[in-house]
């Protein structure tokens, strides 16, 4: 995944809890998208494939425009942005742009 930087902390975990979405048993791929973002559609396909391939991994897509509060708090500056969360909801990897499948699988290694 491109633009690798770790982001952690209870603030991000608390923000995720507000979504009231189920975390994956082992990891969660969180995608921030916007309506007219072509790379977001491709990212949705890649993350969906990975979630189907890797047991215990869930893919959640968030409409960035509908969740501006969360976008600001997590400092999401472009779409698509992908966060890889571990089983506890902590962000272990963050990337922007359309990811390659192999990079997503490699990033999951930090969460599993």
PDB file of N, CA and C in Angstrom:
ATOM      1  N   UNK A   1       0.847  -1.171   0.000  1.00  0.00           N
ATOM      2  CA  UNK A   1       0.000   0.000   0.000  1.00  0.00           C
ATOM      3  C   UNK A   1       0.894   1.235   0.000  1.00  0.00           C
ATOM      4  N   UNK A   2       0.504   2.243  -0.747  1.00  0.00           N
ATOM      5  CA  UNK A   2       1.295   3.462  -0.856  1.00  0.00           C
ATOM      6  C   UNK A   2       1.113   4.365   0.360  1.00  0.00           C
ATOM      7  N   UNK A   3       2.044   5.307   0.500  1.00  0.00           N
ATOM      8  CA  UNK A   3       1.988   6.309   1.568  1.00  0.00           C
ATOM      9  C   UNK A   3       1.860   5.658   2.935  1.00  0.00           C
ATOM     10  N   UNK A   4       2.757   4.761   3.224  1.00  0.00           N
ATOM     11  CA  UNK A   4       2.688   4.024   4.490  1.00  0.00           C
ATOM     12  C   UNK A   4       3.047   4.917   5.659  1.00  0.00           C
ATOM     13  N   UNK A   5       2.148   5.005   6.599  1.00  0.00           N
ATOM     14  CA  UNK A   5       2.444   5.672   7.855  1.00  0.00           C
ATOM     15  C   UNK A   5       1.530   5.085   8.908  1.00  0.00           C
ATOM     16  N   UNK A   6       2.084   4.835  10.060  1.00  0.00           N
ATOM     17  CA  UNK A   6       1.269   4.237  11.112  1.00  0.00           C
ATOM     18  C   UNK A   6       0.531   5.318  11.874  1.00  0.00           C
ATOM     19  N   UNK A   7      -0.683   5.015  12.197  1.00  0.00           N
ATOM     20  CA  UNK A   7      -1.516   5.901  12.995  1.00  0.00           C
ATOM     21  C   UNK A   7      -2.143   5.035  14.064  1.00  0.00           C
ATOM     22  N   UNK A   8      -2.004   5.413  15.290  1.00  0.00           N
ATOM     23  CA  UNK A   8      -2.589   4.619  16.357  1.00  0.00           C
ATOM     24  C   UNK A   8      -3.130   5.559  17.417  1.00  0.00           C
ATOM     25  N   UNK A   9      -3.761   4.992  18.395  1.00  0.00           N
ATOM     26  CA  UNK A   9      -4.234   5.793  19.505  1.00  0.00           C
ATOM     27  C   UNK A   9      -5.690   5.567  19.796  1.00  0.00           C
ATOM     28  N   UNK A  10      -6.075   5.911  21.008  1.00  0.00           N
ATOM     29  CA  UNK A  10      -7.442   5.682  21.430  1.00  0.00           C
ATOM     30  C   UNK A  10      -8.419   6.577  20.683  1.00  0.00           C
ATOM     31  N   UNK A  11      -7.963   7.747  20.188  1.00  0.00           N
ATOM     32  CA  UNK A  11      -8.852   8.628  19.435  1.00  0.00           C
ATOM     33  C   UNK A  11      -9.366   7.974  18.174  1.00  0.00           C
ATOM     34  N   UNK A  12      -8.476   7.318  17.438  1.00  0.00           N
ATOM     35  CA  UNK A  12      -8.880   6.625  16.219  1.00  0.00           C
ATOM     36  C   UNK A  12      -9.771   5.448  16.554  1.00  0.00           C
ATOM     37  N   UNK A  13      -9.436   4.730  17.613  1.00  0.00           N
ATOM     38  CA  UNK A  13     -10.242   3.577  18.020  1.00  0.00           C
ATOM     39  C   UNK A  13     -11.640   4.042  18.428  1.00  0.00           C
ATOM     40  N   UNK A  14     -11.708   5.141  19.160  1.00  0.00           N
ATOM     41  CA  UNK A  14     -13.009   5.669  19.580  1.00  0.00           C
ATOM     42  C   UNK A  14     -13.814   6.126  18.367  1.00  0.00           C
ATOM     43  N   UNK A  15     -13.134   6.730  17.388  1.00  0.00           N
ATOM     44  CA  UNK A  15     -13.827   7.164  16.180  1.00  0.00           C
ATOM     45  C   UNK A  15     -14.425   5.970  15.455  1.00  0.00           C
ATOM     46  N   UNK A  16     -13.684   4.872  15.378  1.00  0.00           N
ATOM     47  CA  UNK A  16     -14.191   3.673  14.714  1.00  0.00           C
ATOM     48  C   UNK A  16     -15.412   3.140  15.460  1.00  0.00           C
ATOM     49  N   UNK A  17     -15.400   3.169  16.779  1.00  0.00           N
ATOM     50  CA  UNK A  17     -16.513   2.666  17.576  1.00  0.00           C
ATOM     51  C   UNK A  17     -17.805   3.422  17.261  1.00  0.00           C
ATOM     52  N   UNK A  18     -17.695   4.701  16.886  1.00  0.00           N
ATOM     53  CA  UNK A  18     -18.875   5.503  16.555  1.00  0.00           C
ATOM     54  C   UNK A  18     -19.613   5.000  15.322  1.00  0.00           C
ATOM     55  N   UNK A  19     -18.928   4.275  14.462  1.00  0.00           N
ATOM     56  CA  UNK A  19     -19.554   3.812  13.228  1.00  0.00           C
ATOM     57  C   UNK A  19     -20.563   2.712  13.460  1.00  0.00           C
ATOM     58  N   UNK A  20     -20.472   2.059  14.601  1.00  0.00           N
ATOM     59  CA  UNK A  20     -21.372   0.964  14.944  1.00  0.00           C
ATOM     60  C   UNK A  20     -21.346  -0.128  13.880  1.00  0.00           C
ATOM     61  N   UNK A  21     -20.180  -0.383  13.328  1.00  0.00           N
ATOM     62  CA  UNK A  21     -20.000  -1.446  12.344  1.00  0.00           C
ATOM     63  C   UNK A  21     -19.197  -2.565  12.997  1.00  0.00           C
ATOM     64  N   UNK A  22     -19.433  -3.756  12.538  1.00  0.00           N
ATOM     65  CA  UNK A  22     -18.733  -4.914  13.071  1.00  0.00           C
ATOM     66  C   UNK A  22     -17.292  -4.932  12.598  1.00  0.00           C
ATOM     67  N   UNK A  23     -16.388  -5.127  13.532  1.00  0.00           N
ATOM     68  CA  UNK A  23     -14.995  -5.335  13.169  1.00  0.00           C
ATOM     69  C   UNK A  23     -14.841  -6.760  12.666  1.00  0.00           C
ATOM     70  N   UNK A  24     -13.884  -6.971  11.789  1.00  0.00           N
ATOM     71  CA  UNK A  24     -13.574  -8.323  11.361  1.00  0.00           C
ATOM     72  C   UNK A  24     -13.001  -9.100  12.529  1.00  0.00           C
ATOM     73  N   UNK A  25     -13.145 -10.391  12.502  1.00  0.00           N
ATOM     74  CA  UNK A  25     -12.631 -11.237  13.577  1.00  0.00           C
ATOM     75  C   UNK A  25     -11.119 -11.071  13.743  1.00  0.00           C
ATOM     76  N   UNK A  26     -10.407 -10.927  12.621  1.00  0.00           N
ATOM     77  CA  UNK A  26      -8.955 -10.797  12.660  1.00  0.00           C
ATOM     78  C   UNK A  26      -8.472  -9.418  12.236  1.00  0.00           C
ATOM     79  N   UNK A  27      -9.166  -8.783  11.304  1.00  0.00           N
ATOM     80  CA  UNK A  27      -8.764  -7.456  10.810  1.00  0.00           C
ATOM     81  C   UNK A  27      -9.922  -6.838  10.019  1.00  0.00           C
ATOM     82  N   UNK A  28      -9.856  -5.520   9.840  1.00  0.00           N
ATOM     83  CA  UNK A  28     -10.875  -4.805   9.075  1.00  0.00           C
ATOM     84  C   UNK A  28     -10.185  -3.847   8.110  1.00  0.00           C
ATOM     85  N   UNK A  29     -10.646  -3.855   6.870  1.00  0.00           N
ATOM     86  CA  UNK A  29     -10.178  -2.922   5.852  1.00  0.00           C
ATOM     87  C   UNK A  29     -11.225  -1.824   5.735  1.00  0.00           C
ATOM     88  N   UNK A  30     -10.881  -0.620   6.145  1.00  0.00           N
ATOM     89  CA  UNK A  30     -11.807   0.507   6.122  1.00  0.00           C
ATOM     90  C   UNK A  30     -11.433   1.399   4.952  1.00  0.00           C
ATOM     91  N   UNK A  31     -12.392   1.624   4.068  1.00  0.00           N
ATOM     92  CA  UNK A  31     -12.166   2.434   2.868  1.00  0.00           C
ATOM     93  C   UNK A  31     -13.002   3.695   2.943  1.00  0.00           C
ATOM     94  N   UNK A  32     -12.346   4.851   2.844  1.00  0.00           N
ATOM     95  CA  UNK A  32     -13.050   6.127   2.737  1.00  0.00           C
ATOM     96  C   UNK A  32     -13.148   6.460   1.258  1.00  0.00           C
ATOM     97  N   UNK A  33     -14.383   6.656   0.778  1.00  0.00           N
ATOM     98  CA  UNK A  33     -14.647   6.897  -0.644  1.00  0.00           C
ATOM     99  C   UNK A  33     -15.499   8.144  -0.824  1.00  0.00           C
ATOM    100  N   UNK A  34     -15.575   8.581  -2.083  1.00  0.00           N
ATOM    101  CA  UNK A  34     -16.495   9.656  -2.439  1.00  0.00           C
ATOM    102  C   UNK A  34     -17.225   9.241  -3.723  1.00  0.00           C
ATOM    103  N   UNK A  35     -18.341   9.854  -3.970  1.00  0.00           N
ATOM    104  CA  UNK A  35     -19.259   9.420  -5.025  1.00  0.00           C
ATOM    105  C   UNK A  35     -18.646   9.374  -6.424  1.00  0.00           C
ATOM    106  N   UNK A  36     -17.875  10.366  -6.801  1.00  0.00           N
ATOM    107  CA  UNK A  36     -17.383  10.437  -8.175  1.00  0.00           C
ATOM    108  C   UNK A  36     -15.908  10.069  -8.288  1.00  0.00           C
ATOM    109  N   UNK A  37     -15.465   9.174  -7.450  1.00  0.00           N
ATOM    110  CA  UNK A  37     -14.061   8.773  -7.383  1.00  0.00           C
ATOM    111  C   UNK A  37     -13.875   7.438  -8.109  1.00  0.00           C
ATOM    112  N   UNK A  38     -13.295   7.485  -9.312  1.00  0.00           N
ATOM    113  CA  UNK A  38     -13.081   6.246 -10.075  1.00  0.00           C
ATOM    114  C   UNK A  38     -12.123   5.283  -9.363  1.00  0.00           C
ATOM    115  N   UNK A  39     -11.021   5.749  -8.782  1.00  0.00           N
ATOM    116  CA  UNK A  39     -10.144   4.822  -8.058  1.00  0.00           C
ATOM    117  C   UNK A  39     -10.844   4.172  -6.858  1.00  0.00           C
ATOM    118  N   UNK A  40     -11.876   4.821  -6.334  1.00  0.00           N
ATOM    119  CA  UNK A  40     -12.616   4.242  -5.201  1.00  0.00           C
ATOM    120  C   UNK A  40     -13.337   2.966  -5.625  1.00  0.00           C
ATOM    121  N   UNK A  41     -13.868   2.953  -6.825  1.00  0.00           N
ATOM    122  CA  UNK A  41     -14.564   1.751  -7.313  1.00  0.00           C
ATOM    123  C   UNK A  41     -13.588   0.594  -7.472  1.00  0.00           C
ATOM    124  N   UNK A  42     -12.418   0.873  -8.023  1.00  0.00           N
ATOM    125  CA  UNK A  42     -11.400  -0.168  -8.178  1.00  0.00           C
ATOM    126  C   UNK A  42     -10.911  -0.638  -6.811  1.00  0.00           C
ATOM    127  N   UNK A  43     -10.755   0.286  -5.883  1.00  0.00           N
ATOM    128  CA  UNK A  43     -10.320  -0.066  -4.529  1.00  0.00           C
ATOM    129  C   UNK A  43     -11.358  -0.950  -3.858  1.00  0.00           C
ATOM    130  N   UNK A  44     -12.631  -0.641  -4.042  1.00  0.00           N
ATOM    131  CA  UNK A  44     -13.718  -1.462  -3.492  1.00  0.00           C
ATOM    132  C   UNK A  44     -13.588  -2.911  -3.967  1.00  0.00           C
ATOM    133  N   UNK A  45     -13.307  -3.083  -5.257  1.00  0.00           N
ATOM    134  CA  UNK A  45     -13.153  -4.441  -5.807  1.00  0.00           C
ATOM    135  C   UNK A  45     -11.959  -5.162  -5.179  1.00  0.00           C
ATOM    136  N   UNK A  46     -10.831  -4.486  -5.103  1.00  0.00           N
ATOM    137  CA  UNK A  46      -9.612  -5.096  -4.544  1.00  0.00           C
ATOM    138  C   UNK A  46      -9.827  -5.486  -3.089  1.00  0.00           C
ATOM    139  N   UNK A  47     -10.345  -4.561  -2.286  1.00  0.00           N
ATOM    140  CA  UNK A  47     -10.533  -4.846  -0.858  1.00  0.00           C
ATOM    141  C   UNK A  47     -11.577  -5.935  -0.643  1.00  0.00           C
ATOM    142  N   UNK A  48     -12.621  -5.941  -1.467  1.00  0.00           N
ATOM    143  CA  UNK A  48     -13.631  -6.991  -1.380  1.00  0.00           C
ATOM    144  C   UNK A  48     -13.042  -8.356  -1.677  1.00  0.00           C
ATOM    145  N   UNK A  49     -12.192  -8.421  -2.694  1.00  0.00           N
ATOM    146  CA  UNK A  49     -11.535  -9.688  -3.031  1.00  0.00           C
ATOM    147  C   UNK A  49     -10.654 -10.171  -1.882  1.00  0.00           C
ATOM    148  N   UNK A  50      -9.881  -9.270  -1.326  1.00  0.00           N
ATOM    149  CA  UNK A  50      -8.991  -9.646  -0.223  1.00  0.00           C
ATOM    150  C   UNK A  50      -9.808 -10.114   0.973  1.00  0.00           C
ATOM    151  N   UNK A  51     -10.887  -9.413   1.291  1.00  0.00           N
ATOM    152  CA  UNK A  51     -11.731  -9.801   2.425  1.00  0.00           C
ATOM    153  C   UNK A  51     -12.325 -11.195   2.215  1.00  0.00           C
ATOM    154  N   UNK A  52     -12.652 -11.530   0.967  1.00  0.00           N
ATOM    155  CA  UNK A  52     -13.176 -12.872   0.685  1.00  0.00           C
ATOM    156  C   UNK A  52     -12.084 -13.939   0.757  1.00  0.00           C
ATOM    157  N   UNK A  53     -10.857 -13.568   0.416  1.00  0.00           N
ATOM    158  CA  UNK A  53      -9.742 -14.518   0.400  1.00  0.00           C
ATOM    159  C   UNK A  53      -9.174 -14.826   1.780  1.00  0.00           C
ATOM    160  N   UNK A  54      -9.138 -13.820   2.651  1.00  0.00           N
ATOM    161  CA  UNK A  54      -8.479 -13.969   3.951  1.00  0.00           C
ATOM    162  C   UNK A  54      -9.539 -14.150   5.040  1.00  0.00           C
ATOM    163  N   UNK A  55      -9.575 -15.323   5.664  1.00  0.00           N
ATOM    164  CA  UNK A  55     -10.571 -15.573   6.710  1.00  0.00           C
ATOM    165  C   UNK A  55     -10.459 -14.573   7.863  1.00  0.00           C
ATOM    166  N   UNK A  56     -11.610 -14.116   8.330  1.00  0.00           N
ATOM    167  CA  UNK A  56     -11.659 -13.214   9.477  1.00  0.00           C
ATOM    168  C   UNK A  56     -11.427 -11.756   9.144  1.00  0.00           C
ATOM    169  N   UNK A  57     -11.341 -11.422   7.856  1.00  0.00           N
ATOM    170  CA  UNK A  57     -11.123 -10.030   7.439  1.00  0.00           C
ATOM    171  C   UNK A  57     -12.417  -9.482   6.844  1.00  0.00           C
ATOM    172  N   UNK A  58     -12.766  -8.263   7.250  1.00  0.00           N
ATOM    173  CA  UNK A  58     -13.970  -7.591   6.792  1.00  0.00           C
ATOM    174  C   UNK A  58     -13.599  -6.314   6.057  1.00  0.00           C
ATOM    175  N   UNK A  59     -14.378  -5.961   5.040  1.00  0.00           N
ATOM    176  CA  UNK A  59     -14.198  -4.704   4.306  1.00  0.00           C
ATOM    177  C   UNK A  59     -15.391  -3.804   4.614  1.00  0.00           C
ATOM    178  N   UNK A  60     -15.112  -2.575   5.030  1.00  0.00           N
ATOM    179  CA  UNK A  60     -16.153  -1.592   5.321  1.00  0.00           C
ATOM    180  C   UNK A  60     -15.853  -0.347   4.497  1.00  0.00           C
ATOM    181  N   UNK A  61     -16.854   0.134   3.766  1.00  0.00           N
ATOM    182  CA  UNK A  61     -16.676   1.361   2.978  1.00  0.00           C
ATOM    183  C   UNK A  61     -17.461   2.492   3.627  1.00  0.00           C
ATOM    184  N   UNK A  62     -16.817   3.647   3.736  1.00  0.00           N
ATOM    185  CA  UNK A  62     -17.423   4.814   4.363  1.00  0.00           C
ATOM    186  C   UNK A  62     -17.480   5.946   3.351  1.00  0.00           C
ATOM    187  N   UNK A  63     -18.654   6.550   3.213  1.00  0.00           N
ATOM    188  CA  UNK A  63     -18.823   7.714   2.355  1.00  0.00           C
ATOM    189  C   UNK A  63     -18.220   8.917   3.081  1.00  0.00           C
ATOM    190  N   UNK A  64     -17.096   9.391   2.580  1.00  0.00           N
ATOM    191  CA  UNK A  64     -16.373  10.483   3.236  1.00  0.00           C
ATOM    192  C   UNK A  64     -17.232  11.737   3.372  1.00  0.00           C
ATOM    193  N   UNK A  65     -18.055  12.014   2.372  1.00  0.00           N
ATOM    194  CA  UNK A  65     -18.888  13.215   2.409  1.00  0.00           C
ATOM    195  C   UNK A  65     -19.966  13.139   3.482  1.00  0.00           C
ATOM    196  N   UNK A  66     -20.423  11.941   3.780  1.00  0.00           N
ATOM    197  CA  UNK A  66     -21.459  11.757   4.797  1.00  0.00           C
ATOM    198  C   UNK A  66     -20.884  11.723   6.209  1.00  0.00           C
ATOM    199  N   UNK A  67     -19.583  11.512   6.331  1.00  0.00           N
ATOM    200  CA  UNK A  67     -18.947  11.403   7.652  1.00  0.00           C
ATOM    201  C   UNK A  67     -17.796  12.388   7.791  1.00  0.00           C
ATOM    202  N   UNK A  68     -18.069  13.662   7.511  1.00  0.00           N
ATOM    203  CA  UNK A  68     -17.024  14.684   7.577  1.00  0.00           C
ATOM    204  C   UNK A  68     -16.394  14.799   8.957  1.00  0.00           C
ATOM    205  N   UNK A  69     -17.171  14.571   9.997  1.00  0.00           N
ATOM    206  CA  UNK A  69     -16.618  14.603  11.353  1.00  0.00           C
ATOM    207  C   UNK A  69     -15.510  13.577  11.510  1.00  0.00           C
ATOM    208  N   UNK A  70     -15.746  12.374  11.037  1.00  0.00           N
ATOM    209  CA  UNK A  70     -14.772  11.300  11.126  1.00  0.00           C
ATOM    210  C   UNK A  70     -13.582  11.561  10.195  1.00  0.00           C
ATOM    211  N   UNK A  71     -13.858  12.074   9.014  1.00  0.00           N
ATOM    212  CA  UNK A  71     -12.808  12.412   8.051  1.00  0.00           C
ATOM    213  C   UNK A  71     -11.846  13.426   8.670  1.00  0.00           C
ATOM    214  N   UNK A  72     -12.378  14.430   9.311  1.00  0.00           N
ATOM    215  CA  UNK A  72     -11.529  15.457   9.944  1.00  0.00           C
ATOM    216  C   UNK A  72     -10.729  14.875  11.098  1.00  0.00           C
ATOM    217  N   UNK A  73     -11.383  14.101  11.931  1.00  0.00           N
ATOM    218  CA  UNK A  73     -10.715  13.541  13.096  1.00  0.00           C
ATOM    219  C   UNK A  73      -9.585  12.588  12.715  1.00  0.00           C
ATOM    220  N   UNK A  74      -9.784  11.815  11.655  1.00  0.00           N
ATOM    221  CA  UNK A  74      -8.769  10.856  11.220  1.00  0.00           C
ATOM    222  C   UNK A  74      -7.832  11.437  10.160  1.00  0.00           C
ATOM    223  N   UNK A  75      -8.024  12.737   9.857  1.00  0.00           N
ATOM    224  CA  UNK A  75      -7.177  13.451   8.912  1.00  0.00           C
ATOM    225  C   UNK A  75      -7.128  12.770   7.543  1.00  0.00           C
ATOM    226  N   UNK A  76      -8.307  12.419   7.034  1.00  0.00           N
ATOM    227  CA  UNK A  76      -8.437  11.860   5.695  1.00  0.00           C
ATOM    228  C   UNK A  76      -8.438  13.040   4.734  1.00  0.00           C
ATOM    229  N   UNK A  77      -7.471  13.092   3.818  1.00  0.00           N
ATOM    230  CA  UNK A  77      -7.359  14.257   2.934  1.00  0.00           C
ATOM    231  C   UNK A  77      -7.685  13.945   1.482  1.00  0.00           C
ATOM    232  N   UNK A  78      -7.784  12.659   1.121  1.00  0.00           N
ATOM    233  CA  UNK A  78      -8.178  12.316  -0.245  1.00  0.00           C
ATOM    234  C   UNK A  78      -8.828  10.942  -0.256  1.00  0.00           C
ATOM    235  N   UNK A  79      -9.541  10.683  -1.340  1.00  0.00           N
ATOM    236  CA  UNK A  79     -10.152   9.368  -1.492  1.00  0.00           C
ATOM    237  C   UNK A  79      -9.578   8.710  -2.740  1.00  0.00           C
ATOM    238  N   UNK A  80      -9.409   7.409  -2.704  1.00  0.00           N
ATOM    239  CA  UNK A  80      -9.661   6.545  -1.560  1.00  0.00           C
ATOM    240  C   UNK A  80      -8.525   6.592  -0.544  1.00  0.00           C
ATOM    241  N   UNK A  81      -8.899   6.478   0.706  1.00  0.00           N
ATOM    242  CA  UNK A  81      -7.947   6.242   1.791  1.00  0.00           C
ATOM    243  C   UNK A  81      -8.365   4.939   2.435  1.00  0.00           C
ATOM    244  N   UNK A  82      -7.392   4.077   2.690  1.00  0.00           N
ATOM    245  CA  UNK A  82      -7.654   2.770   3.296  1.00  0.00           C
ATOM    246  C   UNK A  82      -6.933   2.696   4.638  1.00  0.00           C
ATOM    247  N   UNK A  83      -7.679   2.287   5.655  1.00  0.00           N
ATOM    248  CA  UNK A  83      -7.111   2.028   6.972  1.00  0.00           C
ATOM    249  C   UNK A  83      -7.190   0.534   7.224  1.00  0.00           C
ATOM    250  N   UNK A  84      -6.117  -0.043   7.729  1.00  0.00           N
ATOM    251  CA  UNK A  84      -6.112  -1.449   8.118  1.00  0.00           C
ATOM    252  C   UNK A  84      -6.174  -1.468   9.639  1.00  0.00           C
ATOM    253  N   UNK A  85      -7.243  -2.060  10.174  1.00  0.00           N
ATOM    254  CA  UNK A  85      -7.436  -2.149  11.613  1.00  0.00           C
ATOM    255  C   UNK A  85      -7.180  -3.567  12.074  1.00  0.00           C
ATOM    256  N   UNK A  86      -6.598  -3.703  13.261  1.00  0.00           N
ATOM    257  CA  UNK A  86      -6.425  -5.041  13.825  1.00  0.00           C
ATOM    258  C   UNK A  86      -7.738  -5.473  14.474  1.00  0.00           C
ATOM    259  N   UNK A  87      -7.741  -6.627  15.102  1.00  0.00           N
ATOM    260  CA  UNK A  87      -8.967  -7.179  15.693  1.00  0.00           C
ATOM    261  C   UNK A  87      -9.530  -6.294  16.805  1.00  0.00           C
ATOM    262  N   UNK A  88      -8.686  -5.474  17.416  1.00  0.00           N
ATOM    263  CA  UNK A  88      -9.124  -4.582  18.491  1.00  0.00           C
ATOM    264  C   UNK A  88      -9.593  -3.220  17.978  1.00  0.00           C
ATOM    265  N   UNK A  89      -9.484  -2.987  16.670  1.00  0.00           N
ATOM    266  CA  UNK A  89      -9.910  -1.715  16.101  1.00  0.00           C
ATOM    267  C   UNK A  89      -8.825  -0.664  16.034  1.00  0.00           C
ATOM    268  N   UNK A  90      -7.576  -1.031  16.319  1.00  0.00           N
ATOM    269  CA  UNK A  90      -6.465  -0.089  16.227  1.00  0.00           C
ATOM    270  C   UNK A  90      -5.984  -0.006  14.776  1.00  0.00           C
ATOM    271  N   UNK A  91      -5.666   1.196  14.342  1.00  0.00           N
ATOM    272  CA  UNK A  91      -5.156   1.393  12.983  1.00  0.00           C
ATOM    273  C   UNK A  91      -3.689   0.984  12.968  1.00  0.00           C
ATOM    274  N   UNK A  92      -3.371   0.011  12.114  1.00  0.00           N
ATOM    275  CA  UNK A  92      -1.986  -0.442  12.012  1.00  0.00           C
ATOM    276  C   UNK A  92      -1.335  -0.021  10.699  1.00  0.00           C
ATOM    277  N   UNK A  93      -2.137   0.382   9.727  1.00  0.00           N
ATOM    278  CA  UNK A  93      -1.606   0.836   8.442  1.00  0.00           C
ATOM    279  C   UNK A  93      -2.598   1.775   7.804  1.00  0.00           C
ATOM    280  N   UNK A  94      -2.079   2.721   7.054  1.00  0.00           N
ATOM    281  CA  UNK A  94      -2.903   3.729   6.386  1.00  0.00           C
ATOM    282  C   UNK A  94      -2.292   3.997   5.025  1.00  0.00           C
ATOM    283  N   UNK A  95      -3.117   4.097   3.991  1.00  0.00           N
ATOM    284  CA  UNK A  95      -2.603   4.380   2.657  1.00  0.00           C
ATOM    285  C   UNK A  95      -3.640   5.157   1.855  1.00  0.00           C
ATOM    286  N   UNK A  96      -3.155   5.967   0.917  1.00  0.00           N
ATOM    287  CA  UNK A  96      -4.048   6.691   0.021  1.00  0.00           C
ATOM    288  C   UNK A  96      -3.814   6.209  -1.405  1.00  0.00           C
ATOM    289  N   UNK A  97      -4.813   6.380  -2.229  1.00  0.00           N
ATOM    290  CA  UNK A  97      -4.716   5.951  -3.612  1.00  0.00           C
ATOM    291  C   UNK A  97      -5.187   4.519  -3.778  1.00  0.00           C
ATOM    292  N   UNK A  98      -5.235   4.094  -5.009  1.00  0.00           N
ATOM    293  CA  UNK A  98      -5.708   2.755  -5.332  1.00  0.00           C
ATOM    294  C   UNK A  98      -4.617   1.727  -5.007  1.00  0.00           C
ATOM    295  N   UNK A  99      -4.897   0.792  -4.087  1.00  0.00           N
ATOM    296  CA  UNK A  99      -3.870  -0.177  -3.701  1.00  0.00           C
ATOM    297  C   UNK A  99      -3.828  -1.381  -4.640  1.00  0.00           C
ATOM    298  N   UNK A 100      -2.683  -2.024  -4.665  1.00  0.00           N
ATOM    299  CA  UNK A 100      -2.564  -3.301  -5.370  1.00  0.00           C
ATOM    300  C   UNK A 100      -2.943  -4.401  -4.390  1.00  0.00           C
ATOM    301  N   UNK A 101      -3.522  -5.458  -4.907  1.00  0.00           N
ATOM    302  CA  UNK A 101      -3.976  -6.574  -4.078  1.00  0.00           C
ATOM    303  C   UNK A 101      -2.842  -7.130  -3.215  1.00  0.00           C
ATOM    304  N   UNK A 102      -1.678  -7.327  -3.808  1.00  0.00           N
ATOM    305  CA  UNK A 102      -0.531  -7.872  -3.072  1.00  0.00           C
ATOM    306  C   UNK A 102      -0.124  -6.960  -1.913  1.00  0.00           C
ATOM    307  N   UNK A 103      -0.217  -5.635  -2.119  1.00  0.00           N
ATOM    308  CA  UNK A 103       0.136  -4.692  -1.062  1.00  0.00           C
ATOM    309  C   UNK A 103      -0.859  -4.738   0.094  1.00  0.00           C
ATOM    310  N   UNK A 104      -2.138  -4.922  -0.236  1.00  0.00           N
ATOM    311  CA  UNK A 104      -3.160  -5.022   0.812  1.00  0.00           C
ATOM    312  C   UNK A 104      -2.915  -6.277   1.646  1.00  0.00           C
ATOM    313  N   UNK A 105      -2.644  -7.380   0.979  1.00  0.00           N
ATOM    314  CA  UNK A 105      -2.384  -8.635   1.694  1.00  0.00           C
ATOM    315  C   UNK A 105      -1.150  -8.484   2.588  1.00  0.00           C
ATOM    316  N   UNK A 106      -0.108  -7.839   2.077  1.00  0.00           N
ATOM    317  CA  UNK A 106       1.095  -7.613   2.880  1.00  0.00           C
ATOM    318  C   UNK A 106       0.797  -6.722   4.092  1.00  0.00           C
ATOM    319  N   UNK A 107      -0.011  -5.674   3.890  1.00  0.00           N
ATOM    320  CA  UNK A 107      -0.375  -4.779   4.989  1.00  0.00           C
ATOM    321  C   UNK A 107      -1.176  -5.510   6.061  1.00  0.00           C
ATOM    322  N   UNK A 108      -1.976  -6.467   5.650  1.00  0.00           N
ATOM    323  CA  UNK A 108      -2.753  -7.238   6.614  1.00  0.00           C
ATOM    324  C   UNK A 108      -1.849  -8.025   7.560  1.00  0.00           C
ATOM    325  N   UNK A 109      -0.654  -8.343   7.086  1.00  0.00           N
ATOM    326  CA  UNK A 109       0.286  -9.069   7.932  1.00  0.00           C
ATOM    327  C   UNK A 109       0.571  -8.360   9.238  1.00  0.00           C
ATOM    328  N   UNK A 110       0.524  -7.033   9.250  1.00  0.00           N
ATOM    329  CA  UNK A 110       0.751  -6.278  10.480  1.00  0.00           C
ATOM    330  C   UNK A 110      -0.420  -6.370  11.433  1.00  0.00           C
ATOM    331  N   UNK A 111      -1.590  -6.611  10.897  1.00  0.00           N
ATOM    332  CA  UNK A 111      -2.797  -6.633  11.721  1.00  0.00           C
ATOM    333  C   UNK A 111      -3.112  -8.023  12.247  1.00  0.00           C
ATOM    334  N   UNK A 112      -2.654  -9.044  11.552  1.00  0.00           N
ATOM    335  CA  UNK A 112      -3.013 -10.419  11.924  1.00  0.00           C
ATOM    336  C   UNK A 112      -2.071 -11.008  12.952  1.00  0.00           C
TER     337      UNK A 112
END
